Amino acid sequence: MSSVQKTIDRLTKRMRGIDIPFSIEFPSGEKHAVGRGESEFQLSFRNSRSLGALRTLDKIEFVDAYFHGSIDLEGNMLKLFALRAELGGPHPLIKVWHSVRRLLSRHFLESASDRFVL
């Protein structure tokens, strides 16, 4: 099974019971519909960075990939936001990692400011 198919399977499982249909286009040009009915929007994933954001559904990775042009969106953006709200948060370990990363960054900045004039 290809990594694209694994991603689609995981996404489809996570989307059960959600009533916002949309379509996905992968870097290969392959397109898939998610949900039933006419797509409210289309997400186009342009490269591996964007696929990483899709696999985790982490909003920070998603926004970063979008701003770097790795993800394109066509259609109703408000429906995309509604979908994100329905999905809930990322995996609990991802939340923990983001908290640890913020603490490490803060600690590094405090440590650096003690040694250097900023």
Protein backbone atom coordinates (compact mmCIF):
# COMPACT_ATOMS: atom_id res chain seq x y z
CA MET A 1 0.00 0.00 0.00
CA SER A 2 1.42 3.40 -0.98
CA SER A 3 1.98 6.18 1.56
CA VAL A 4 -0.69 8.23 -0.21
CA GLN A 5 -3.20 5.40 0.18
CA LYS A 6 -2.27 4.98 3.86
CA THR A 7 -2.81 8.70 4.38
CA ILE A 8 -6.19 8.53 2.64
CA ASP A 9 -7.23 5.52 4.73
CA ARG A 10 -6.27 7.24 8.00
CA LEU A 11 -8.04 10.43 6.97
CA THR A 12 -11.18 8.55 5.91
CA LYS A 13 -11.32 6.74 9.27
CA ARG A 14 -10.94 10.01 11.14
CA MET A 15 -13.65 11.67 9.01
CA ARG A 16 -16.39 9.13 9.75
CA GLY A 17 -19.51 10.94 10.90
CA ILE A 18 -18.41 14.36 9.62
CA ASP A 19 -20.75 15.93 7.09
CA ILE A 20 -18.41 18.28 5.22
CA PRO A 21 -17.40 16.73 1.88
CA PHE A 22 -14.18 17.89 0.23
CA SER A 23 -11.57 16.71 -2.23
CA ILE A 24 -7.84 16.23 -1.98
CA GLU A 25 -5.24 16.46 -4.71
CA PHE A 26 -1.87 14.87 -4.03
CA PRO A 27 1.53 15.89 -5.45
CA SER A 28 1.20 13.12 -8.06
CA GLY A 29 -2.00 14.74 -9.39
CA GLU A 30 -4.10 11.94 -7.91
CA LYS A 31 -7.47 13.23 -6.62
CA HIS A 32 -9.75 11.76 -3.96
CA ALA A 33 -13.16 12.74 -2.63
CA VAL A 34 -13.72 12.58 1.13
CA GLY A 35 -17.29 12.44 2.40
CA ARG A 36 -20.53 12.26 0.47
CA GLY A 37 -21.91 14.96 -1.77
CA GLU A 38 -20.40 17.81 -3.72
CA SER A 39 -17.07 19.04 -2.39
CA GLU A 40 -17.20 22.22 -0.34
CA PHE A 41 -13.49 22.84 -0.98
CA GLN A 42 -10.39 21.25 -2.46
CA LEU A 43 -7.04 20.93 -0.73
CA SER A 44 -4.08 20.52 -3.05
CA PHE A 45 -0.94 19.10 -1.48
CA ARG A 46 2.12 20.05 -3.52
CA ASN A 47 5.04 18.24 -1.83
CA SER A 48 6.22 16.06 1.07
CA ARG A 49 6.03 18.98 3.52
CA SER A 50 2.32 19.31 2.86
CA LEU A 51 1.77 15.55 3.17
CA GLY A 52 3.43 15.65 6.60
CA ALA A 53 0.91 18.29 7.67
CA LEU A 54 -1.91 16.12 6.36
CA ARG A 55 -0.67 13.02 8.18
CA THR A 56 -0.56 14.77 11.56
CA LEU A 57 -3.43 17.23 11.02
CA ASP A 58 -1.42 19.53 13.26
CA LYS A 59 -2.67 23.08 12.74
CA ILE A 60 0.79 24.64 13.11
CA GLU A 61 2.27 22.37 10.45
CA PHE A 62 -0.76 22.98 8.23
CA VAL A 63 -0.50 26.77 8.47
CA ASP A 64 3.27 26.66 7.93
CA ALA A 65 2.87 24.50 4.82
CA TYR A 66 0.09 26.78 3.53
CA PHE A 67 2.16 29.94 3.98
CA HIS A 68 5.11 28.31 2.21
CA GLY A 69 2.94 27.44 -0.81
CA SER A 70 2.93 23.69 -0.13
CA ILE A 71 -0.86 23.59 0.27
CA ASP A 72 -3.43 25.33 -1.91
CA LEU A 73 -7.09 25.80 -1.04
CA GLU A 74 -9.96 26.36 -3.42
CA GLY A 75 -13.55 26.77 -2.34
CA ASN A 76 -15.25 27.54 0.95
CA MET A 77 -12.56 28.31 3.52
CA LEU A 78 -15.14 28.63 6.31
CA LYS A 79 -16.11 24.98 5.74
CA LEU A 80 -12.45 24.02 6.12
CA PHE A 81 -12.33 25.82 9.48
CA ALA A 82 -15.57 24.11 10.53
CA LEU A 83 -14.04 20.76 9.58
CA ARG A 84 -10.94 21.46 11.66
CA ALA A 85 -13.11 22.32 14.65
CA GLU A 86 -15.06 19.06 14.26
CA LEU A 87 -11.88 16.99 14.12
CA GLY A 88 -10.68 18.17 17.50
CA GLY A 89 -7.06 18.55 18.46
CA PRO A 90 -4.02 16.61 17.32
CA HIS A 91 -2.67 13.50 19.00
CA PRO A 92 -1.96 14.16 22.70
CA LEU A 93 1.77 13.53 22.21
CA ILE A 94 1.91 16.29 19.60
CA LYS A 95 0.42 18.69 22.16
CA VAL A 96 3.04 17.60 24.68
CA TRP A 97 5.84 18.11 22.12
CA HIS A 98 4.64 21.64 21.30
CA SER A 99 4.58 22.49 25.01
CA VAL A 100 8.09 21.08 25.53
CA ARG A 101 9.36 22.90 22.45
CA ARG A 102 8.00 26.23 23.76
CA LEU A 103 9.60 25.63 27.16
CA LEU A 104 12.95 24.75 25.58
CA SER A 105 12.79 27.84 23.39
CA ARG A 106 11.99 30.05 26.37
CA HIS A 107 14.77 28.45 28.41
CA PHE A 108 17.25 28.95 25.57
CA LEU A 109 16.32 32.62 25.21
CA GLU A 110 16.59 33.22 28.98
CA SER A 111 19.92 31.41 29.07
CA ALA A 112 21.22 33.36 26.07
CA SER A 113 20.12 36.70 27.53
CA ASP A 114 22.17 35.94 30.69
CA ARG A 115 25.29 35.42 28.56
CA PHE A 116 24.79 37.94 25.79
CA VAL A 117 23.46 41.45 25.49
CA LEU A 118 20.36 41.16 23.31
